[in-house]
Amino acid sequence: MTANIDEEKVLRALYIKFQEHTLPHALSIKEEIDKGGLLSDWDIGFLEEAIDQASHAKELVDRFPDLQALYAKTVSLYDEITAQALKNEEQAGQDARK
């Protein structure tokens, strides 16, 4: 029983951090990237940490089916950001060569 209570506490803490910090910042990055912006070193570090945290949370999330849709959307958001950021970097490189 203690493990379940501990898992719930960990999940609650992760969710609060995600809701109050990680998601707003990720959405802010996505907004800039969607406008053609490039990732700063700080943004890259943030995304690396966020993706790493998501990877570590996967095992815990797998035990809570009601969180799997949120997890999938989060991973999809990170994928969208990184894919668009790569396109923007490639475009910036092409523009620089012109």
PDB file of N, CA and C in Angstrom:
ATOM      1  N   MET A   1       0.826  -1.198   0.000  1.00  0.00           N
ATOM      2  CA  MET A   1       0.000   0.000   0.000  1.00  0.00           C
ATOM      3  C   MET A   1       0.868   1.258   0.000  1.00  0.00           C
ATOM      4  N   THR A   2       1.980   1.237   0.727  1.00  0.00           N
ATOM      5  CA  THR A   2       2.848   2.403   0.798  1.00  0.00           C
ATOM      6  C   THR A   2       3.407   2.767  -0.572  1.00  0.00           C
ATOM      7  N   ALA A   3       3.751   1.759  -1.364  1.00  0.00           N
ATOM      8  CA  ALA A   3       4.297   2.030  -2.698  1.00  0.00           C
ATOM      9  C   ALA A   3       3.288   2.779  -3.551  1.00  0.00           C
ATOM     10  N   ASN A   4       2.025   2.418  -3.453  1.00  0.00           N
ATOM     11  CA  ASN A   4       0.996   3.103  -4.230  1.00  0.00           C
ATOM     12  C   ASN A   4       0.849   4.551  -3.784  1.00  0.00           C
ATOM     13  N   ILE A   5       0.892   4.777  -2.484  1.00  0.00           N
ATOM     14  CA  ILE A   5       0.793   6.139  -1.960  1.00  0.00           C
ATOM     15  C   ILE A   5       2.021   6.940  -2.407  1.00  0.00           C
ATOM     16  N   ASP A   6       3.206   6.325  -2.337  1.00  0.00           N
ATOM     17  CA  ASP A   6       4.431   6.998  -2.770  1.00  0.00           C
ATOM     18  C   ASP A   6       4.387   7.297  -4.269  1.00  0.00           C
ATOM     19  N   GLU A   7       3.914   6.352  -5.057  1.00  0.00           N
ATOM     20  CA  GLU A   7       3.803   6.573  -6.495  1.00  0.00           C
ATOM     21  C   GLU A   7       2.845   7.719  -6.790  1.00  0.00           C
ATOM     22  N   GLU A   8       1.741   7.755  -6.086  1.00  0.00           N
ATOM     23  CA  GLU A   8       0.771   8.835  -6.285  1.00  0.00           C
ATOM     24  C   GLU A   8       1.375  10.186  -5.916  1.00  0.00           C
ATOM     25  N   LYS A   9       2.159  10.237  -4.857  1.00  0.00           N
ATOM     26  CA  LYS A   9       2.818  11.484  -4.466  1.00  0.00           C
ATOM     27  C   LYS A   9       3.814  11.918  -5.528  1.00  0.00           C
ATOM     28  N   VAL A  10       4.584  10.978  -6.049  1.00  0.00           N
ATOM     29  CA  VAL A  10       5.554  11.292  -7.097  1.00  0.00           C
ATOM     30  C   VAL A  10       4.822  11.794  -8.337  1.00  0.00           C
ATOM     31  N   LEU A  11       3.768  11.096  -8.729  1.00  0.00           N
ATOM     32  CA  LEU A  11       2.991  11.514  -9.892  1.00  0.00           C
ATOM     33  C   LEU A  11       2.390  12.897  -9.697  1.00  0.00           C
ATOM     34  N   ARG A  12       1.878  13.164  -8.529  1.00  0.00           N
ATOM     35  CA  ARG A  12       1.294  14.479  -8.249  1.00  0.00           C
ATOM     36  C   ARG A  12       2.358  15.566  -8.372  1.00  0.00           C
ATOM     37  N   ALA A  13       3.527  15.318  -7.811  1.00  0.00           N
ATOM     38  CA  ALA A  13       4.614  16.296  -7.900  1.00  0.00           C
ATOM     39  C   ALA A  13       5.059  16.498  -9.346  1.00  0.00           C
ATOM     40  N   LEU A  14       5.181  15.412 -10.091  1.00  0.00           N
ATOM     41  CA  LEU A  14       5.560  15.522 -11.496  1.00  0.00           C
ATOM     42  C   LEU A  14       4.515  16.288 -12.289  1.00  0.00           C
ATOM     43  N   TYR A  15       3.254  16.014 -12.007  1.00  0.00           N
ATOM     44  CA  TYR A  15       2.172  16.682 -12.731  1.00  0.00           C
ATOM     45  C   TYR A  15       2.157  18.182 -12.435  1.00  0.00           C
ATOM     46  N   ILE A  16       2.327  18.543 -11.189  1.00  0.00           N
ATOM     47  CA  ILE A  16       2.347  19.964 -10.826  1.00  0.00           C
ATOM     48  C   ILE A  16       3.506  20.672 -11.511  1.00  0.00           C
ATOM     49  N   LYS A  17       4.696  20.057 -11.492  1.00  0.00           N
ATOM     50  CA  LYS A  17       5.855  20.659 -12.167  1.00  0.00           C
ATOM     51  C   LYS A  17       5.584  20.774 -13.663  1.00  0.00           C
ATOM     52  N   PHE A  18       4.999  19.729 -14.238  1.00  0.00           N
ATOM     53  CA  PHE A  18       4.691  19.740 -15.662  1.00  0.00           C
ATOM     54  C   PHE A  18       3.699  20.845 -15.991  1.00  0.00           C
ATOM     55  N   GLN A  19       2.640  20.924 -15.220  1.00  0.00           N
ATOM     56  CA  GLN A  19       1.566  21.886 -15.482  1.00  0.00           C
ATOM     57  C   GLN A  19       2.020  23.334 -15.283  1.00  0.00           C
ATOM     58  N   GLU A  20       2.814  23.573 -14.254  1.00  0.00           N
ATOM     59  CA  GLU A  20       3.185  24.944 -13.906  1.00  0.00           C
ATOM     60  C   GLU A  20       4.461  25.435 -14.594  1.00  0.00           C
ATOM     61  N   HIS A  21       5.333  24.514 -14.988  1.00  0.00           N
ATOM     62  CA  HIS A  21       6.620  24.941 -15.538  1.00  0.00           C
ATOM     63  C   HIS A  21       6.883  24.371 -16.934  1.00  0.00           C
ATOM     64  N   THR A  22       6.893  23.057 -17.009  1.00  0.00           N
ATOM     65  CA  THR A  22       7.337  22.402 -18.236  1.00  0.00           C
ATOM     66  C   THR A  22       6.408  22.683 -19.412  1.00  0.00           C
ATOM     67  N   LEU A  23       5.124  22.463 -19.252  1.00  0.00           N
ATOM     68  CA  LEU A  23       4.187  22.659 -20.360  1.00  0.00           C
ATOM     69  C   LEU A  23       4.149  24.111 -20.835  1.00  0.00           C
ATOM     70  N   PRO A  24       4.008  25.085 -19.941  1.00  0.00           N
ATOM     71  CA  PRO A  24       4.001  26.469 -20.436  1.00  0.00           C
ATOM     72  C   PRO A  24       5.275  26.828 -21.209  1.00  0.00           C
ATOM     73  N   HIS A  25       6.420  26.366 -20.716  1.00  0.00           N
ATOM     74  CA  HIS A  25       7.659  26.700 -21.416  1.00  0.00           C
ATOM     75  C   HIS A  25       7.743  25.972 -22.755  1.00  0.00           C
ATOM     76  N   ALA A  26       7.336  24.713 -22.783  1.00  0.00           N
ATOM     77  CA  ALA A  26       7.353  23.959 -24.039  1.00  0.00           C
ATOM     78  C   ALA A  26       6.433  24.618 -25.064  1.00  0.00           C
ATOM     79  N   LEU A  27       5.264  25.065 -24.635  1.00  0.00           N
ATOM     80  CA  LEU A  27       4.339  25.734 -25.553  1.00  0.00           C
ATOM     81  C   LEU A  27       4.903  27.072 -26.042  1.00  0.00           C
ATOM     82  N   SER A  28       5.620  27.759 -25.181  1.00  0.00           N
ATOM     83  CA  SER A  28       6.261  29.009 -25.566  1.00  0.00           C
ATOM     84  C   SER A  28       7.339  28.753 -26.628  1.00  0.00           C
ATOM     85  N   ILE A  29       8.116  27.712 -26.424  1.00  0.00           N
ATOM     86  CA  ILE A  29       9.136  27.341 -27.405  1.00  0.00           C
ATOM     87  C   ILE A  29       8.462  26.974 -28.720  1.00  0.00           C
ATOM     88  N   LYS A  30       7.398  26.188 -28.646  1.00  0.00           N
ATOM     89  CA  LYS A  30       6.689  25.774 -29.864  1.00  0.00           C
ATOM     90  C   LYS A  30       6.167  26.987 -30.628  1.00  0.00           C
ATOM     91  N   GLU A  31       5.641  27.950 -29.924  1.00  0.00           N
ATOM     92  CA  GLU A  31       5.136  29.161 -30.567  1.00  0.00           C
ATOM     93  C   GLU A  31       6.246  29.863 -31.349  1.00  0.00           C
ATOM     94  N   GLU A  32       7.411  29.988 -30.749  1.00  0.00           N
ATOM     95  CA  GLU A  32       8.536  30.643 -31.420  1.00  0.00           C
ATOM     96  C   GLU A  32       9.046  29.815 -32.598  1.00  0.00           C
ATOM     97  N   ILE A  33       9.126  28.531 -32.413  1.00  0.00           N
ATOM     98  CA  ILE A  33       9.598  27.637 -33.468  1.00  0.00           C
ATOM     99  C   ILE A  33       8.622  27.657 -34.643  1.00  0.00           C
ATOM    100  N   ASP A  34       7.334  27.677 -34.342  1.00  0.00           N
ATOM    101  CA  ASP A  34       6.319  27.709 -35.406  1.00  0.00           C
ATOM    102  C   ASP A  34       6.389  29.005 -36.223  1.00  0.00           C
ATOM    103  N   LYS A  35       6.955  30.038 -35.643  1.00  0.00           N
ATOM    104  CA  LYS A  35       7.136  31.307 -36.353  1.00  0.00           C
ATOM    105  C   LYS A  35       8.453  31.337 -37.133  1.00  0.00           C
ATOM    106  N   GLY A  36       9.178  30.232 -37.098  1.00  0.00           N
ATOM    107  CA  GLY A  36      10.452  30.172 -37.822  1.00  0.00           C
ATOM    108  C   GLY A  36      11.668  30.410 -36.955  1.00  0.00           C
ATOM    109  N   GLY A  37      11.463  30.571 -35.663  1.00  0.00           N
ATOM    110  CA  GLY A  37      12.579  30.836 -34.757  1.00  0.00           C
ATOM    111  C   GLY A  37      13.491  29.637 -34.581  1.00  0.00           C
ATOM    112  N   LEU A  38      14.638  29.907 -34.013  1.00  0.00           N
ATOM    113  CA  LEU A  38      15.626  28.873 -33.731  1.00  0.00           C
ATOM    114  C   LEU A  38      15.703  28.633 -32.233  1.00  0.00           C
ATOM    115  N   LEU A  39      16.095  27.436 -31.863  1.00  0.00           N
ATOM    116  CA  LEU A  39      16.254  27.115 -30.446  1.00  0.00           C
ATOM    117  C   LEU A  39      17.511  27.768 -29.891  1.00  0.00           C
ATOM    118  N   SER A  40      17.385  28.349 -28.719  1.00  0.00           N
ATOM    119  CA  SER A  40      18.565  28.858 -28.023  1.00  0.00           C
ATOM    120  C   SER A  40      19.228  27.681 -27.300  1.00  0.00           C
ATOM    121  N   ASP A  41      20.438  27.897 -26.819  1.00  0.00           N
ATOM    122  CA  ASP A  41      21.106  26.853 -26.036  1.00  0.00           C
ATOM    123  C   ASP A  41      20.276  26.508 -24.806  1.00  0.00           C
ATOM    124  N   TRP A  42      19.655  27.512 -24.206  1.00  0.00           N
ATOM    125  CA  TRP A  42      18.819  27.276 -23.033  1.00  0.00           C
ATOM    126  C   TRP A  42      17.603  26.426 -23.395  1.00  0.00           C
ATOM    127  N   ASP A  43      16.985  26.713 -24.540  1.00  0.00           N
ATOM    128  CA  ASP A  43      15.834  25.929 -24.995  1.00  0.00           C
ATOM    129  C   ASP A  43      16.235  24.475 -25.244  1.00  0.00           C
ATOM    130  N   ILE A  44      17.385  24.296 -25.859  1.00  0.00           N
ATOM    131  CA  ILE A  44      17.867  22.933 -26.126  1.00  0.00           C
ATOM    132  C   ILE A  44      18.082  22.188 -24.821  1.00  0.00           C
ATOM    133  N   GLY A  45      18.700  22.836 -23.858  1.00  0.00           N
ATOM    134  CA  GLY A  45      18.898  22.217 -22.549  1.00  0.00           C
ATOM    135  C   GLY A  45      17.587  21.879 -21.866  1.00  0.00           C
ATOM    136  N   PHE A  46      16.643  22.803 -21.952  1.00  0.00           N
ATOM    137  CA  PHE A  46      15.325  22.571 -21.375  1.00  0.00           C
ATOM    138  C   PHE A  46      14.669  21.352 -22.014  1.00  0.00           C
ATOM    139  N   LEU A  47      14.701  21.290 -23.351  1.00  0.00           N
ATOM    140  CA  LEU A  47      14.072  20.167 -24.048  1.00  0.00           C
ATOM    141  C   LEU A  47      14.773  18.847 -23.749  1.00  0.00           C
ATOM    142  N   GLU A  48      16.092  18.868 -23.675  1.00  0.00           N
ATOM    143  CA  GLU A  48      16.818  17.644 -23.327  1.00  0.00           C
ATOM    144  C   GLU A  48      16.389  17.146 -21.952  1.00  0.00           C
ATOM    145  N   GLU A  49      16.280  18.061 -20.996  1.00  0.00           N
ATOM    146  CA  GLU A  49      15.855  17.675 -19.651  1.00  0.00           C
ATOM    147  C   GLU A  49      14.409  17.192 -19.642  1.00  0.00           C
ATOM    148  N   ALA A  50      13.522  17.889 -20.361  1.00  0.00           N
ATOM    149  CA  ALA A  50      12.115  17.508 -20.405  1.00  0.00           C
ATOM    150  C   ALA A  50      11.940  16.130 -21.043  1.00  0.00           C
ATOM    151  N   ILE A  51      12.653  15.873 -22.119  1.00  0.00           N
ATOM    152  CA  ILE A  51      12.568  14.575 -22.788  1.00  0.00           C
ATOM    153  C   ILE A  51      13.132  13.485 -21.891  1.00  0.00           C
ATOM    154  N   ASP A  52      14.225  13.781 -21.209  1.00  0.00           N
ATOM    155  CA  ASP A  52      14.816  12.816 -20.269  1.00  0.00           C
ATOM    156  C   ASP A  52      13.844  12.510 -19.132  1.00  0.00           C
ATOM    157  N   GLN A  53      13.203  13.530 -18.595  1.00  0.00           N
ATOM    158  CA  GLN A  53      12.222  13.317 -17.526  1.00  0.00           C
ATOM    159  C   GLN A  53      11.040  12.490 -18.027  1.00  0.00           C
ATOM    160  N   ALA A  54      10.588  12.770 -19.234  1.00  0.00           N
ATOM    161  CA  ALA A  54       9.479  11.996 -19.799  1.00  0.00           C
ATOM    162  C   ALA A  54       9.874  10.537 -19.953  1.00  0.00           C
ATOM    163  N   SER A  55      11.089  10.311 -20.389  1.00  0.00           N
ATOM    164  CA  SER A  55      11.574   8.943 -20.548  1.00  0.00           C
ATOM    165  C   SER A  55      11.590   8.206 -19.207  1.00  0.00           C
ATOM    166  N   HIS A  56      12.049   8.875 -18.169  1.00  0.00           N
ATOM    167  CA  HIS A  56      12.087   8.258 -16.845  1.00  0.00           C
ATOM    168  C   HIS A  56      10.692   8.071 -16.252  1.00  0.00           C
ATOM    169  N   ALA A  57       9.772   8.933 -16.609  1.00  0.00           N
ATOM    170  CA  ALA A  57       8.406   8.840 -16.073  1.00  0.00           C
ATOM    171  C   ALA A  57       7.587   7.756 -16.763  1.00  0.00           C
ATOM    172  N   LYS A  58       8.045   7.285 -17.903  1.00  0.00           N
ATOM    173  CA  LYS A  58       7.270   6.330 -18.705  1.00  0.00           C
ATOM    174  C   LYS A  58       6.890   5.086 -17.916  1.00  0.00           C
ATOM    175  N   GLU A  59       7.814   4.522 -17.200  1.00  0.00           N
ATOM    176  CA  GLU A  59       7.538   3.305 -16.422  1.00  0.00           C
ATOM    177  C   GLU A  59       6.442   3.549 -15.385  1.00  0.00           C
ATOM    178  N   LEU A  60       6.483   4.681 -14.750  1.00  0.00           N
ATOM    179  CA  LEU A  60       5.473   5.021 -13.755  1.00  0.00           C
ATOM    180  C   LEU A  60       4.133   5.295 -14.422  1.00  0.00           C
ATOM    181  N   VAL A  61       4.146   6.025 -15.507  1.00  0.00           N
ATOM    182  CA  VAL A  61       2.910   6.351 -16.227  1.00  0.00           C
ATOM    183  C   VAL A  61       2.239   5.089 -16.745  1.00  0.00           C
ATOM    184  N   ASP A  62       3.031   4.110 -17.144  1.00  0.00           N
ATOM    185  CA  ASP A  62       2.464   2.862 -17.651  1.00  0.00           C
ATOM    186  C   ASP A  62       1.577   2.161 -16.625  1.00  0.00           C
ATOM    187  N   ARG A  63       1.794   2.436 -15.371  1.00  0.00           N
ATOM    188  CA  ARG A  63       0.979   1.813 -14.319  1.00  0.00           C
ATOM    189  C   ARG A  63      -0.299   2.602 -14.029  1.00  0.00           C
ATOM    190  N   PHE A  64      -0.447   3.762 -14.685  1.00  0.00           N
ATOM    191  CA  PHE A  64      -1.626   4.601 -14.488  1.00  0.00           C
ATOM    192  C   PHE A  64      -2.231   4.920 -15.857  1.00  0.00           C
ATOM    193  N   PRO A  65      -3.116   4.047 -16.341  1.00  0.00           N
ATOM    194  CA  PRO A  65      -3.665   4.205 -17.696  1.00  0.00           C
ATOM    195  C   PRO A  65      -4.317   5.559 -17.961  1.00  0.00           C
ATOM    196  N   ASP A  66      -4.880   6.191 -16.960  1.00  0.00           N
ATOM    197  CA  ASP A  66      -5.532   7.482 -17.173  1.00  0.00           C
ATOM    198  C   ASP A  66      -4.534   8.594 -17.517  1.00  0.00           C
ATOM    199  N   LEU A  67      -3.247   8.351 -17.320  1.00  0.00           N
ATOM    200  CA  LEU A  67      -2.221   9.346 -17.653  1.00  0.00           C
ATOM    201  C   LEU A  67      -1.569   9.101 -19.007  1.00  0.00           C
ATOM    202  N   GLN A  68      -1.865   7.979 -19.621  1.00  0.00           N
ATOM    203  CA  GLN A  68      -1.172   7.622 -20.852  1.00  0.00           C
ATOM    204  C   GLN A  68      -1.492   8.563 -22.009  1.00  0.00           C
ATOM    205  N   ALA A  69      -2.720   9.057 -22.099  1.00  0.00           N
ATOM    206  CA  ALA A  69      -3.057   9.999 -23.179  1.00  0.00           C
ATOM    207  C   ALA A  69      -2.282  11.307 -23.003  1.00  0.00           C
ATOM    208  N   LEU A  70      -2.201  11.806 -21.774  1.00  0.00           N
ATOM    209  CA  LEU A  70      -1.430  13.023 -21.506  1.00  0.00           C
ATOM    210  C   LEU A  70       0.039  12.798 -21.839  1.00  0.00           C
ATOM    211  N   TYR A  71       0.553  11.647 -21.448  1.00  0.00           N
ATOM    212  CA  TYR A  71       1.948  11.325 -21.738  1.00  0.00           C
ATOM    213  C   TYR A  71       2.193  11.301 -23.249  1.00  0.00           C
ATOM    214  N   ALA A  72       1.305  10.665 -23.976  1.00  0.00           N
ATOM    215  CA  ALA A  72       1.450  10.566 -25.433  1.00  0.00           C
ATOM    216  C   ALA A  72       1.402  11.955 -26.080  1.00  0.00           C
ATOM    217  N   LYS A  73       0.514  12.813 -25.610  1.00  0.00           N
ATOM    218  CA  LYS A  73       0.424  14.173 -26.151  1.00  0.00           C
ATOM    219  C   LYS A  73       1.691  14.971 -25.839  1.00  0.00           C
ATOM    220  N   THR A  74       2.231  14.749 -24.670  1.00  0.00           N
ATOM    221  CA  THR A  74       3.456  15.440 -24.271  1.00  0.00           C
ATOM    222  C   THR A  74       4.623  15.024 -25.163  1.00  0.00           C
ATOM    223  N   VAL A  75       4.774  13.724 -25.352  1.00  0.00           N
ATOM    224  CA  VAL A  75       5.850  13.223 -26.207  1.00  0.00           C
ATOM    225  C   VAL A  75       5.658  13.733 -27.634  1.00  0.00           C
ATOM    226  N   SER A  76       4.414  13.774 -28.097  1.00  0.00           N
ATOM    227  CA  SER A  76       4.118  14.292 -29.429  1.00  0.00           C
ATOM    228  C   SER A  76       4.493  15.773 -29.538  1.00  0.00           C
ATOM    229  N   LEU A  77       4.215  16.541 -28.499  1.00  0.00           N
ATOM    230  CA  LEU A  77       4.581  17.955 -28.478  1.00  0.00           C
ATOM    231  C   LEU A  77       6.091  18.116 -28.606  1.00  0.00           C
ATOM    232  N   TYR A  78       6.850  17.338 -27.841  1.00  0.00           N
ATOM    233  CA  TYR A  78       8.306  17.416 -27.915  1.00  0.00           C
ATOM    234  C   TYR A  78       8.791  17.032 -29.313  1.00  0.00           C
ATOM    235  N   ASP A  79       8.156  16.033 -29.905  1.00  0.00           N
ATOM    236  CA  ASP A  79       8.522  15.617 -31.257  1.00  0.00           C
ATOM    237  C   ASP A  79       8.230  16.726 -32.264  1.00  0.00           C
ATOM    238  N   GLU A  80       7.076  17.363 -32.146  1.00  0.00           N
ATOM    239  CA  GLU A  80       6.727  18.466 -33.042  1.00  0.00           C
ATOM    240  C   GLU A  80       7.728  19.615 -32.924  1.00  0.00           C
ATOM    241  N   ILE A  81       8.091  19.937 -31.701  1.00  0.00           N
ATOM    242  CA  ILE A  81       9.042  21.032 -31.478  1.00  0.00           C
ATOM    243  C   ILE A  81      10.388  20.705 -32.107  1.00  0.00           C
ATOM    244  N   THR A  82      10.904  19.518 -31.838  1.00  0.00           N
ATOM    245  CA  THR A  82      12.230  19.184 -32.345  1.00  0.00           C
ATOM    246  C   THR A  82      12.234  19.051 -33.867  1.00  0.00           C
ATOM    247  N   ALA A  83      11.162  18.495 -34.436  1.00  0.00           N
ATOM    248  CA  ALA A  83      11.090  18.362 -35.894  1.00  0.00           C
ATOM    249  C   ALA A  83      11.050  19.733 -36.565  1.00  0.00           C
ATOM    250  N   GLN A  84      10.233  20.645 -36.030  1.00  0.00           N
ATOM    251  CA  GLN A  84      10.149  21.982 -36.618  1.00  0.00           C
ATOM    252  C   GLN A  84      11.440  22.761 -36.393  1.00  0.00           C
ATOM    253  N   ALA A  85      12.045  22.590 -35.240  1.00  0.00           N
ATOM    254  CA  ALA A  85      13.312  23.270 -34.958  1.00  0.00           C
ATOM    255  C   ALA A  85      14.387  22.816 -35.945  1.00  0.00           C
ATOM    256  N   LEU A  86      14.410  21.530 -36.262  1.00  0.00           N
ATOM    257  CA  LEU A  86      15.374  21.025 -37.234  1.00  0.00           C
ATOM    258  C   LEU A  86      15.121  21.645 -38.603  1.00  0.00           C
ATOM    259  N   LYS A  87      13.860  21.719 -39.015  1.00  0.00           N
ATOM    260  CA  LYS A  87      13.529  22.360 -40.291  1.00  0.00           C
ATOM    261  C   LYS A  87      13.988  23.812 -40.300  1.00  0.00           C
ATOM    262  N   ASN A  88      13.755  24.517 -39.199  1.00  0.00           N
ATOM    263  CA  ASN A  88      14.162  25.916 -39.118  1.00  0.00           C
ATOM    264  C   ASN A  88      15.675  26.063 -39.211  1.00  0.00           C
ATOM    265  N   GLU A  89      16.396  25.177 -38.556  1.00  0.00           N
ATOM    266  CA  GLU A  89      17.870  25.211 -38.613  1.00  0.00           C
ATOM    267  C   GLU A  89      18.350  24.949 -40.035  1.00  0.00           C
ATOM    268  N   GLU A  90      17.739  23.984 -40.686  1.00  0.00           N
ATOM    269  CA  GLU A  90      18.123  23.677 -42.059  1.00  0.00           C
ATOM    270  C   GLU A  90      17.844  24.869 -42.978  1.00  0.00           C
ATOM    271  N   GLN A  91      16.692  25.502 -42.781  1.00  0.00           N
ATOM    272  CA  GLN A  91      16.342  26.668 -43.582  1.00  0.00           C
ATOM    273  C   GLN A  91      17.311  27.823 -43.318  1.00  0.00           C
ATOM    274  N   ALA A  92      17.661  28.028 -42.068  1.00  0.00           N
ATOM    275  CA  ALA A  92      18.604  29.103 -41.724  1.00  0.00           C
ATOM    276  C   ALA A  92      19.960  28.831 -42.374  1.00  0.00           C
ATOM    277  N   GLY A  93      20.374  27.565 -42.409  1.00  0.00           N
ATOM    278  CA  GLY A  93      21.630  27.215 -43.047  1.00  0.00           C
ATOM    279  C   GLY A  93      21.593  27.470 -44.549  1.00  0.00           C
ATOM    280  N   GLN A  94      20.465  27.152 -45.158  1.00  0.00           N
ATOM    281  CA  GLN A  94      20.316  27.413 -46.602  1.00  0.00           C
ATOM    282  C   GLN A  94      20.313  28.902 -46.885  1.00  0.00           C
ATOM    283  N   ASP A  95      19.610  29.651 -46.048  1.00  0.00           N
ATOM    284  CA  ASP A  95      19.549  31.109 -46.226  1.00  0.00           C
ATOM    285  C   ASP A  95      20.934  31.731 -46.067  1.00  0.00           C
ATOM    286  N   ALA A  96      21.737  31.204 -45.149  1.00  0.00           N
ATOM    287  CA  ALA A  96      23.077  31.746 -44.899  1.00  0.00           C
ATOM    288  C   ALA A  96      24.002  31.497 -46.084  1.00  0.00           C
ATOM    289  N   ARG A  97      23.757  30.411 -46.810  1.00  0.00           N
ATOM    290  CA  ARG A  97      24.606  30.073 -47.954  1.00  0.00           C
ATOM    291  C   ARG A  97      24.252  30.876 -49.206  1.00  0.00           C
ATOM    292  N   LYS A  98      23.119  31.540 -49.184  1.00  0.00           N
ATOM    293  CA  LYS A  98      22.684  32.314 -50.373  1.00  0.00           C
ATOM    294  C   LYS A  98      23.449  33.603 -50.507  1.00  0.00           C
TER     295      LYS A  98
END
